[in-house]
Amino acid sequence: MIKPISVLPGFDLWPGLLDPKAQNDLTRLALAACDVAPPAHYETAYGKAMSVTMSSFGPLGWTSDKTGYRYADRHPGTGRPWPAMPRALLDLWAELGDPGTPPDSALINLYRGDARMGLHQDRDEADPRFPVLSISLGDTAVFRIGGTSRKDPTKSLRLSSGDVCRLSGPARLAFHGVDRILPGSSSLVPGGGRVNITLRRATAAR
């Protein structure tokens, strides 16, 4: 295990942690999950469709519409359970997240074309003591992170395929987002683009 880079207090980055085979395997699994649980442009609370399409692995999936943000145990379109979480994700969480409490949700974000993600906080989980792990696959993303106030200064960095980062402690509720992706910087994702998988513990530990 390579040592992480501490970008900000609580925000750690493992550059190139996943080797090419692991990247390919996870990308294949994520796209197969999207065949079962079709990704959607969820709406914000203000009724605007997001440019990123989303799906999920695990017992719970994150969804959004005009009524608000929440976790649900079934895909809002098909009414079926979300695809099972791959062992590789469970193992990664046990190593970098929390070895005693498994994740119960893995959000799959698919960036194509000019898709981006505005600054936001991950605050829909029951207990922010659990970290969020983020896995980058495919095209490089220009990632931005700040503090716990939207007015705090931000820092920009590039996340490449195979990079893994963790938001925990003082950075767990930091505002963060993706300004853009760099098309053609990777050939991993068929048709181009970026797959981002974020592992979370949405419910409180028993």
Protein backbone atom coordinates (compact mmCIF):
# COMPACT_ATOMS: atom_id res chain seq x y z
CA MET A 1 0.00 0.00 0.00
CA ILE A 2 1.46 3.33 -1.05
CA LYS A 3 1.32 6.19 1.41
CA PRO A 4 -1.38 8.80 0.80
CA ILE A 5 -0.77 12.44 0.07
CA SER A 6 -2.47 14.70 2.61
CA VAL A 7 -3.90 17.40 0.34
CA LEU A 8 -5.82 19.08 3.18
CA PRO A 9 -6.46 17.99 6.77
CA GLY A 10 -8.81 15.03 6.41
CA PHE A 11 -8.52 14.85 2.61
CA ASP A 12 -6.07 12.11 1.60
CA LEU A 13 -5.14 11.01 -1.92
CA TRP A 14 -3.63 7.71 -3.06
CA PRO A 15 -2.40 8.43 -6.62
CA GLY A 16 -2.56 5.41 -8.91
CA LEU A 17 -3.60 3.07 -6.12
CA LEU A 18 -5.54 0.80 -8.48
CA ASP A 19 -3.51 -1.02 -11.13
CA PRO A 20 -4.77 -1.29 -14.73
CA LYS A 21 -6.44 -4.66 -14.17
CA ALA A 22 -8.29 -3.42 -11.09
CA GLN A 23 -9.38 -0.30 -12.99
CA ASN A 24 -10.65 -2.37 -15.91
CA ASP A 25 -12.49 -4.81 -13.65
CA LEU A 26 -14.24 -2.07 -11.67
CA THR A 27 -15.18 -0.17 -14.83
CA ARG A 28 -16.68 -3.31 -16.32
CA LEU A 29 -18.66 -4.00 -13.14
CA ALA A 30 -19.88 -0.40 -12.90
CA LEU A 31 -21.11 -0.35 -16.50
CA ALA A 32 -22.78 -3.75 -16.04
CA ALA A 33 -24.54 -2.34 -12.96
CA CYS A 34 -25.76 0.55 -15.09
CA ASP A 35 -27.36 -1.95 -17.48
CA VAL A 36 -29.39 -3.35 -14.56
CA ALA A 37 -30.00 -0.04 -12.78
CA PRO A 38 -30.03 2.56 -15.57
CA PRO A 39 -28.21 5.78 -14.65
CA ALA A 40 -30.37 8.89 -14.48
CA HIS A 41 -29.95 12.66 -14.52
CA TYR A 42 -31.39 13.23 -11.04
CA GLU A 43 -32.98 16.57 -10.26
CA THR A 44 -31.72 18.94 -7.62
CA ALA A 45 -34.11 20.26 -4.97
CA TYR A 46 -34.51 23.27 -7.27
CA GLY A 47 -35.80 21.11 -10.13
CA LYS A 48 -32.69 21.32 -12.31
CA ALA A 49 -31.38 18.11 -13.89
CA MET A 50 -27.76 17.26 -13.04
CA SER A 51 -25.34 16.87 -15.96
CA VAL A 52 -23.87 13.71 -14.40
CA THR A 53 -25.85 10.47 -14.65
CA MET A 54 -25.98 8.29 -11.52
CA SER A 55 -26.60 4.73 -10.44
CA SER A 56 -25.53 2.69 -7.40
CA PHE A 57 -24.23 -0.57 -6.00
CA GLY A 58 -25.27 -1.99 -2.63
CA PRO A 59 -28.30 -2.15 -0.33
CA LEU A 60 -28.93 1.60 -0.74
CA GLY A 61 -28.65 4.01 -3.63
CA TRP A 62 -28.59 7.80 -3.51
CA THR A 63 -31.42 9.48 -5.40
CA SER A 64 -32.75 12.99 -5.79
CA ASP A 65 -35.76 14.86 -7.08
CA LYS A 66 -37.77 17.97 -6.23
CA THR A 67 -38.75 16.44 -2.88
CA GLY A 68 -35.12 16.27 -1.75
CA TYR A 69 -32.03 14.08 -1.48
CA ARG A 70 -32.19 10.63 0.08
CA TYR A 71 -31.07 7.02 0.04
CA ALA A 72 -33.49 4.38 -1.26
CA ASP A 73 -33.37 0.59 -1.27
CA ARG A 74 -34.69 0.36 -4.85
CA HIS A 75 -33.98 1.99 -8.18
CA PRO A 76 -36.55 4.79 -8.65
CA GLY A 77 -37.19 3.83 -12.27
CA THR A 78 -37.24 0.03 -12.26
CA GLY A 79 -38.39 -0.55 -8.67
CA ARG A 80 -35.76 -3.28 -8.37
CA PRO A 81 -32.98 -3.57 -5.77
CA TRP A 82 -29.64 -2.06 -6.65
CA PRO A 83 -26.90 -4.40 -7.94
CA ALA A 84 -24.82 -6.08 -5.23
CA MET A 85 -21.67 -4.32 -4.11
CA PRO A 86 -18.54 -5.93 -5.61
CA ARG A 87 -16.09 -7.62 -3.26
CA ALA A 88 -13.29 -5.32 -4.47
CA LEU A 89 -15.17 -2.29 -3.12
CA LEU A 90 -15.87 -3.95 0.21
CA ASP A 91 -12.19 -4.85 0.54
CA LEU A 92 -11.08 -1.32 -0.32
CA TRP A 93 -13.42 0.14 2.29
CA ALA A 94 -12.16 -2.31 4.92
CA GLU A 95 -8.62 -1.14 4.21
CA LEU A 96 -9.13 2.63 3.85
CA GLY A 97 -12.57 3.32 5.30
CA ASP A 98 -13.75 1.45 8.39
CA PRO A 99 -12.80 -2.21 8.97
CA GLY A 100 -15.58 -2.75 11.50
CA THR A 101 -18.59 -1.32 9.65
CA PRO A 102 -19.12 -2.09 5.94
CA PRO A 103 -20.38 0.44 3.41
CA ASP A 104 -24.03 0.19 2.44
CA SER A 105 -23.95 2.36 -0.66
CA ALA A 106 -21.63 2.95 -3.61
CA LEU A 107 -22.73 5.79 -5.86
CA ILE A 108 -21.74 5.44 -9.53
CA ASN A 109 -21.30 8.80 -11.28
CA LEU A 110 -20.88 8.75 -15.05
CA TYR A 111 -19.34 11.85 -16.62
CA ARG A 112 -19.69 12.24 -20.38
CA GLY A 113 -18.95 15.27 -22.54
CA ASP A 114 -19.17 18.50 -20.54
CA ALA A 115 -20.70 16.94 -17.41
CA ARG A 116 -19.59 18.48 -14.14
CA MET A 117 -20.50 18.50 -10.46
CA GLY A 118 -21.01 21.76 -8.60
CA LEU A 119 -19.62 22.36 -5.14
CA HIS A 120 -21.60 20.40 -2.57
CA GLN A 121 -21.35 18.60 0.75
CA ASP A 122 -21.99 14.90 1.30
CA ARG A 123 -24.34 15.28 4.24
CA ASP A 124 -27.20 12.83 3.58
CA GLU A 125 -25.53 10.08 5.62
CA ALA A 126 -26.64 9.34 9.19
CA ASP A 127 -23.19 9.48 10.79
CA PRO A 128 -20.44 11.71 9.31
CA ARG A 129 -17.84 9.94 11.43
CA PHE A 130 -17.68 7.42 8.59
CA PRO A 131 -15.54 8.60 5.65
CA VAL A 132 -16.37 8.85 1.98
CA LEU A 133 -14.04 6.99 -0.39
CA SER A 134 -13.86 8.16 -3.99
CA ILE A 135 -12.47 6.08 -6.87
CA SER A 136 -11.59 7.65 -10.23
CA LEU A 137 -11.80 5.59 -13.43
CA GLY A 138 -11.28 6.83 -16.98
CA ASP A 139 -10.76 10.44 -18.01
CA THR A 140 -8.97 12.78 -15.63
CA ALA A 141 -11.18 15.09 -13.55
CA VAL A 142 -10.38 18.62 -12.45
CA PHE A 143 -11.48 18.31 -8.84
CA ARG A 144 -12.09 21.19 -6.44
CA ILE A 145 -12.27 21.09 -2.66
CA GLY A 146 -12.73 23.78 -0.03
CA GLY A 147 -13.81 23.98 3.59
CA THR A 148 -17.04 23.40 5.45
CA SER A 149 -18.39 26.80 4.43
CA ARG A 150 -19.24 27.53 0.81
CA LYS A 151 -17.29 30.79 1.12
CA ASP A 152 -14.03 29.07 2.16
CA PRO A 153 -11.07 29.15 -0.26
CA THR A 154 -10.83 26.16 -2.58
CA LYS A 155 -7.99 24.08 -3.95
CA SER A 156 -7.96 22.46 -7.41
CA LEU A 157 -6.19 19.23 -8.37
CA ARG A 158 -6.42 16.57 -11.04
CA LEU A 159 -7.71 13.09 -10.28
CA SER A 160 -6.53 10.45 -12.75
CA SER A 161 -7.73 6.94 -13.43
CA GLY A 162 -6.81 4.63 -10.56
CA ASP A 163 -6.60 7.41 -7.96
CA VAL A 164 -8.46 6.93 -4.68
CA CYS A 165 -9.20 9.73 -2.23
CA ARG A 166 -10.83 9.88 1.19
CA LEU A 167 -12.83 12.61 2.90
CA SER A 168 -12.82 12.15 6.66
CA GLY A 169 -12.48 14.07 9.91
CA PRO A 170 -12.25 17.83 9.28
CA ALA A 171 -12.79 17.31 5.51
CA ARG A 172 -15.76 14.96 5.79
CA LEU A 173 -18.25 17.79 5.24
CA ALA A 174 -16.00 19.89 3.02
CA PHE A 175 -17.52 21.43 -0.10
CA HIS A 176 -16.15 19.70 -3.19
CA GLY A 177 -16.98 19.18 -6.85
CA VAL A 178 -15.71 18.50 -10.37
CA ASP A 179 -15.11 21.52 -12.60
CA ARG A 180 -14.72 19.41 -15.75
CA ILE A 181 -13.23 16.25 -17.14
CA LEU A 182 -10.39 16.15 -19.67
CA PRO A 183 -11.76 14.24 -22.69
CA GLY A 184 -9.37 11.73 -24.23
CA SER A 185 -7.03 11.59 -21.24
CA SER A 186 -7.90 7.90 -20.82
CA SER A 187 -9.20 5.12 -23.06
CA LEU A 188 -10.52 3.02 -20.18
CA VAL A 189 -14.24 3.82 -20.42
CA PRO A 190 -15.86 2.65 -23.67
CA GLY A 191 -17.04 5.70 -25.58
CA GLY A 192 -14.96 7.99 -23.38
CA GLY A 193 -15.74 9.71 -20.12
CA ARG A 194 -15.17 9.14 -16.43
CA VAL A 195 -16.67 6.74 -13.93
CA ASN A 196 -16.49 7.85 -10.31
CA ILE A 197 -17.48 5.44 -7.53
CA THR A 198 -18.00 6.84 -4.04
CA LEU A 199 -18.31 4.46 -1.12
CA ARG A 200 -20.40 5.56 1.84
CA ARG A 201 -22.02 4.33 5.03
CA ALA A 202 -25.46 5.87 4.70
CA THR A 203 -27.13 4.42 7.80
CA ALA A 204 -25.98 4.51 11.40
CA ALA A 205 -23.86 1.62 12.65
CA ARG A 206 -25.66 -0.98 14.72
